[in-house]
Amino acid sequence: MQSIKVNHEVPRSLLSSSYKFNDYDFCLPHLLDQDEEYLQHFLDAKRKGRYIIMDNSLHELGEAYDHKRLLHWVNEIKPNEFIIPDVWEDIVGSIENADTWSEYEFPEGVEKVAVVQAKSLHEAIECTRAYKRLGYKKIAYSYGASYYNDVCPHPNKDLGKALGRISVISALHSQGFLTDDDRVHLLGCSVPQEFGWYEGINCIESIDTSNPIMATLDGSTYTNGGLLKKPKSNMNNHYDESLLVDNELLNHNLRKFKQINNII
């Protein structure tokens, strides 16, 4: 069994119940400015001593959130981990950001995490090496990079994305650029069964994905093999809605997610 910390991002209507199934809380800083209930949820989480990873909202906004507001919320929430601003599929811009943010002083106990951005396996290797040289102890890999489909061509693009990320991380691991002593976060997924395919790679420490929540909103039931396609529902489109959730299906998908990925 794998001991990996799991978070499933949820729409506002499920915030209060998310403590029951999330190992930690994954914070999107732009929502702290937009939604008082969301802010209160994370203030309460901090007060309860829950583990918090704060993102920079690039996936949701197309670019990292305003840097001044990011600094404000890091100092206000004091998350256990903060994913510093990266630039989508831009290795140069992402390394430059990592260099700049490595110099910022954060509150005690806040660890900086850097996201690898690349357009090829070679760039992924170089980006990983650069972050390590800059002193980053935890590195993240997103699920949606275009080059994953080049690394692992597949007629099913969603499966290709998953297989591509596995191929990249496997290559990094086998060539010694990642070791079992390193710490890795996996951002999102296209298909939920991906996380069970990292057998022999013991540096995966945490993951976040709304996949079982979005599958539930689609009315999709996880099988023993997971899903063949990424759910159509998207958090950006559902966060504000008052949703009637099929709790039986939700609980099934949450349980099945851990089962198919062999996660404790």
Protein backbone atom coordinates (compact mmCIF):
# COMPACT_ATOMS: atom_id res chain seq x y z
CA MET A 1 0.00 0.00 0.00
CA GLN A 2 1.14 3.54 -0.77
CA SER A 3 1.14 6.18 1.98
CA ILE A 4 0.33 9.30 -0.03
CA LYS A 5 -1.49 12.41 1.18
CA VAL A 6 -4.58 12.98 -0.97
CA ASN A 7 -6.75 16.05 -1.49
CA HIS A 8 -9.88 16.28 -3.61
CA GLU A 9 -10.84 19.87 -4.39
CA VAL A 10 -14.55 20.51 -3.94
CA PRO A 11 -17.16 23.14 -4.84
CA ARG A 12 -18.31 25.47 -2.08
CA SER A 13 -21.31 23.29 -1.24
CA LEU A 14 -18.97 20.46 -0.17
CA LEU A 15 -16.37 22.50 1.71
CA SER A 16 -17.66 21.64 5.17
CA SER A 17 -17.76 17.90 4.47
CA SER A 18 -14.37 17.76 2.73
CA TYR A 19 -12.51 17.36 6.04
CA LYS A 20 -13.97 13.85 6.23
CA PHE A 21 -12.21 12.55 3.12
CA ASN A 22 -9.23 14.86 2.56
CA ASP A 23 -5.87 14.14 4.17
CA TYR A 24 -4.95 17.81 3.85
CA ASP A 25 -6.48 21.00 2.46
CA PHE A 26 -5.54 22.43 -0.95
CA CYS A 27 -5.98 26.19 -1.09
CA LEU A 28 -6.56 28.31 -4.21
CA PRO A 29 -5.50 31.86 -3.24
CA HIS A 30 -7.65 33.75 -5.75
CA LEU A 31 -10.73 32.32 -4.03
CA LEU A 32 -9.54 33.71 -0.70
CA ASP A 33 -10.08 37.17 -2.17
CA GLN A 34 -13.37 36.30 -3.86
CA ASP A 35 -15.24 34.19 -1.34
CA GLU A 36 -15.64 34.90 2.37
CA GLU A 37 -16.87 31.35 3.07
CA TYR A 38 -13.80 29.89 1.36
CA LEU A 39 -11.51 32.17 3.38
CA GLN A 40 -13.22 31.19 6.62
CA HIS A 41 -12.85 27.52 5.74
CA PHE A 42 -9.07 27.88 5.53
CA LEU A 43 -8.81 30.06 8.61
CA ASP A 44 -10.71 27.32 10.45
CA ALA A 45 -8.49 24.63 8.93
CA LYS A 46 -5.39 26.45 10.14
CA ARG A 47 -6.88 26.89 13.60
CA LYS A 48 -7.64 23.14 13.72
CA GLY A 49 -4.03 22.36 12.86
CA ARG A 50 -4.80 20.80 9.50
CA TYR A 51 -2.06 20.50 6.89
CA ILE A 52 -2.49 23.09 4.10
CA ILE A 53 -0.90 23.27 0.66
CA MET A 54 -1.48 26.62 -1.07
CA ASP A 55 -1.38 26.71 -4.86
CA ASN A 56 -0.76 29.80 -7.03
CA SER A 57 -3.99 29.35 -9.10
CA LEU A 58 -2.25 29.07 -12.49
CA HIS A 59 -4.47 26.16 -13.56
CA GLU A 60 -7.65 28.06 -12.77
CA LEU A 61 -6.62 31.49 -14.09
CA GLY A 62 -4.23 30.64 -16.93
CA GLU A 63 -1.43 32.44 -15.10
CA ALA A 64 -0.26 32.63 -11.51
CA TYR A 65 -2.30 34.89 -9.25
CA ASP A 66 -1.12 38.41 -8.45
CA HIS A 67 2.23 38.11 -6.68
CA LYS A 68 1.45 40.73 -4.01
CA ARG A 69 -1.77 38.93 -3.12
CA LEU A 70 0.08 35.61 -3.03
CA LEU A 71 2.56 37.03 -0.56
CA HIS A 72 -0.28 38.49 1.48
CA TRP A 73 -2.09 35.15 1.76
CA VAL A 74 1.07 33.17 2.49
CA ASN A 75 1.68 35.46 5.45
CA GLU A 76 -1.98 35.39 6.51
CA ILE A 77 -2.74 31.66 6.18
CA LYS A 78 0.80 30.38 6.78
CA PRO A 79 0.30 27.17 4.79
CA ASN A 80 2.60 24.23 5.37
CA GLU A 81 3.54 24.34 1.68
CA PHE A 82 3.26 27.06 -0.96
CA ILE A 83 3.50 26.31 -4.68
CA ILE A 84 5.43 29.26 -6.04
CA PRO A 85 4.34 30.94 -9.30
CA ASP A 86 5.23 29.01 -12.44
CA VAL A 87 4.65 29.86 -16.11
CA TRP A 88 2.74 27.33 -18.19
CA GLU A 89 5.04 25.24 -20.40
CA ASP A 90 7.78 27.89 -20.05
CA ILE A 91 10.94 26.48 -18.51
CA VAL A 92 12.84 29.78 -18.63
CA GLY A 93 10.09 31.84 -16.99
CA SER A 94 9.44 29.18 -14.36
CA ILE A 95 13.10 28.86 -13.38
CA GLU A 96 13.41 32.66 -13.23
CA ASN A 97 10.40 32.76 -10.89
CA ALA A 98 11.85 29.96 -8.78
CA ASP A 99 15.11 31.90 -8.49
CA THR A 100 13.29 35.09 -7.45
CA TRP A 101 10.96 33.39 -4.95
CA SER A 102 13.80 31.40 -3.41
CA GLU A 103 15.04 34.69 -1.96
CA TYR A 104 11.73 35.65 -0.31
CA GLU A 105 11.47 35.15 3.43
CA PHE A 106 8.34 33.25 4.44
CA PRO A 107 6.87 32.64 7.89
CA GLU A 108 8.50 29.81 9.80
CA GLY A 109 7.11 26.44 8.77
CA VAL A 110 6.11 27.42 5.22
CA GLU A 111 7.92 25.32 2.60
CA LYS A 112 8.26 26.46 -1.01
CA VAL A 113 7.38 23.99 -3.77
CA ALA A 114 8.33 24.49 -7.44
CA VAL A 115 6.40 23.14 -10.44
CA VAL A 116 8.32 21.70 -13.38
CA GLN A 117 7.30 23.34 -16.67
CA ALA A 118 8.62 21.93 -19.92
CA LYS A 119 7.92 21.11 -23.55
CA SER A 120 10.02 17.94 -23.69
CA LEU A 121 11.57 15.28 -21.48
CA HIS A 122 14.93 17.04 -21.84
CA GLU A 123 13.44 20.30 -20.52
CA ALA A 124 11.74 18.42 -17.67
CA ILE A 125 15.13 17.05 -16.66
CA GLU A 126 16.77 20.47 -16.86
CA CYS A 127 13.94 22.14 -14.93
CA THR A 128 14.10 19.51 -12.18
CA ARG A 129 17.88 19.92 -11.92
CA ALA A 130 17.58 23.72 -11.78
CA TYR A 131 15.06 23.61 -8.94
CA LYS A 132 17.30 21.30 -6.96
CA ARG A 133 20.27 23.63 -7.48
CA LEU A 134 18.10 26.49 -6.16
CA GLY A 135 17.45 24.51 -3.00
CA TYR A 136 13.86 23.34 -3.53
CA LYS A 137 13.23 20.18 -1.51
CA LYS A 138 9.82 19.39 -2.99
CA ILE A 139 8.98 19.48 -6.69
CA ALA A 140 5.59 19.24 -8.42
CA TYR A 141 4.57 17.91 -11.83
CA SER A 142 1.28 18.96 -13.42
CA TYR A 143 -0.97 16.54 -15.29
CA GLY A 144 -1.78 18.56 -18.41
CA ALA A 145 1.52 19.26 -20.18
CA SER A 146 1.18 18.94 -23.96
CA TYR A 147 4.46 17.09 -24.38
CA TYR A 148 3.19 14.13 -22.36
CA ASN A 149 1.25 13.11 -25.46
CA ASP A 150 4.49 13.32 -27.48
CA VAL A 151 6.37 11.23 -24.92
CA CYS A 152 3.63 8.61 -24.96
CA PRO A 153 1.43 8.81 -28.08
CA HIS A 154 -1.93 7.15 -27.50
CA PRO A 155 -5.25 7.29 -29.37
CA ASN A 156 -6.93 8.16 -26.07
CA LYS A 157 -5.47 11.60 -25.25
CA ASP A 158 -6.44 11.40 -21.57
CA LEU A 159 -4.72 8.05 -21.08
CA GLY A 160 -1.79 9.42 -23.08
CA LYS A 161 -1.44 12.35 -20.66
CA ALA A 162 -1.35 9.97 -17.70
CA LEU A 163 1.08 7.56 -19.36
CA GLY A 164 3.23 10.49 -20.48
CA ARG A 165 3.62 11.90 -16.97
CA ILE A 166 4.46 8.44 -15.64
CA SER A 167 7.03 8.03 -18.41
CA VAL A 168 8.64 11.38 -17.58
CA ILE A 169 8.84 10.74 -13.85
CA SER A 170 10.02 7.16 -14.44
CA ALA A 171 12.80 8.49 -16.68
CA LEU A 172 13.79 11.09 -14.09
CA HIS A 173 13.84 8.37 -11.43
CA SER A 174 15.72 5.74 -13.44
CA GLN A 175 18.35 8.28 -14.51
CA GLY A 176 18.88 9.50 -10.95
CA PHE A 177 17.43 13.01 -11.32
CA LEU A 178 14.76 11.94 -8.83
CA THR A 179 15.49 9.47 -6.04
CA ASP A 180 13.33 7.83 -3.40
CA ASP A 181 14.69 10.43 -0.97
CA ASP A 182 13.14 13.24 -3.00
CA ARG A 183 9.62 14.56 -2.40
CA VAL A 184 7.15 14.97 -5.25
CA HIS A 185 3.65 16.41 -5.54
CA LEU A 186 1.44 15.44 -8.48
CA LEU A 187 -0.93 18.19 -9.57
CA GLY A 188 -4.24 16.85 -10.87
CA CYS A 189 -4.86 13.94 -13.21
CA SER A 190 -6.69 13.10 -16.40
CA VAL A 191 -7.70 9.59 -15.31
CA PRO A 192 -7.85 8.56 -11.64
CA GLN A 193 -6.06 5.21 -11.96
CA GLU A 194 -2.78 6.92 -12.89
CA PHE A 195 -1.59 7.15 -9.30
CA GLY A 196 -1.51 3.39 -8.95
CA TRP A 197 0.98 3.06 -11.79
CA TYR A 198 4.01 4.51 -9.97
CA GLU A 199 5.12 1.17 -8.54
CA GLY A 200 8.76 1.28 -7.48
CA ILE A 201 8.85 5.10 -7.43
CA ASN A 202 8.67 5.98 -3.76
CA CYS A 203 9.11 9.75 -3.86
CA ILE A 204 5.43 10.62 -4.48
CA GLU A 205 4.43 12.35 -1.25
CA SER A 206 1.15 14.09 -2.10
CA ILE A 207 -1.45 14.48 -4.83
CA ASP A 208 -4.43 16.71 -5.49
CA THR A 209 -7.29 16.05 -7.87
CA SER A 210 -10.98 16.89 -8.08
CA ASN A 211 -11.48 13.87 -10.37
CA PRO A 212 -13.80 11.77 -8.15
CA ILE A 213 -15.87 14.87 -7.34
CA MET A 214 -16.20 15.89 -10.99
CA ALA A 215 -16.96 12.30 -12.03
CA THR A 216 -19.77 12.28 -9.48
CA LEU A 217 -21.19 15.51 -10.91
CA ASP A 218 -21.05 13.86 -14.35
CA GLY A 219 -22.91 10.85 -12.97
CA SER A 220 -19.92 8.63 -13.78
CA THR A 221 -19.16 5.58 -11.65
CA TYR A 222 -15.56 4.51 -11.10
CA THR A 223 -14.95 0.90 -12.12
CA ASN A 224 -12.17 -1.31 -10.81
CA GLY A 225 -10.10 0.12 -13.65
CA GLY A 226 -10.98 3.76 -12.99
CA LEU A 227 -12.14 5.81 -15.98
CA LEU A 228 -11.18 5.93 -19.64
CA LYS A 229 -11.80 9.68 -20.01
CA LYS A 230 -11.36 12.78 -17.89
CA PRO A 231 -14.71 13.95 -16.43
CA LYS A 232 -16.37 16.72 -18.43
CA SER A 233 -17.33 18.70 -15.33
CA ASN A 234 -14.84 21.38 -14.32
CA MET A 235 -14.37 23.05 -10.95
CA ASN A 236 -14.30 26.50 -12.55
CA ASN A 237 -17.82 25.91 -13.83
CA HIS A 238 -19.26 24.37 -10.67
CA TYR A 239 -17.59 26.03 -7.69
CA ASP A 240 -20.35 28.58 -7.06
CA GLU A 241 -23.32 26.33 -7.79
CA SER A 242 -25.63 24.96 -5.13
CA LEU A 243 -25.30 21.33 -6.10
CA LEU A 244 -27.43 18.34 -5.29
CA VAL A 245 -24.75 15.68 -5.00
CA ASP A 246 -25.44 11.96 -5.18
CA ASN A 247 -23.74 11.10 -1.89
CA GLU A 248 -23.87 7.36 -2.52
CA LEU A 249 -22.04 7.79 -5.84
CA LEU A 250 -19.62 10.29 -4.30
CA ASN A 251 -18.70 7.93 -1.48
CA HIS A 252 -18.28 5.07 -3.96
CA ASN A 253 -15.93 7.12 -6.16
CA LEU A 254 -13.92 8.34 -3.19
CA ARG A 255 -13.47 4.81 -1.86
CA LYS A 256 -12.72 3.40 -5.30
CA PHE A 257 -10.12 6.13 -5.93
CA LYS A 258 -8.02 4.90 -3.01
CA GLN A 259 -8.67 1.26 -3.82
CA ILE A 260 -7.59 1.38 -7.47
CA ASN A 261 -4.49 3.38 -6.55
CA ASN A 262 -3.59 1.15 -3.60
CA ILE A 263 -3.49 4.16 -1.27
CA ILE A 264 -3.87 3.75 2.48
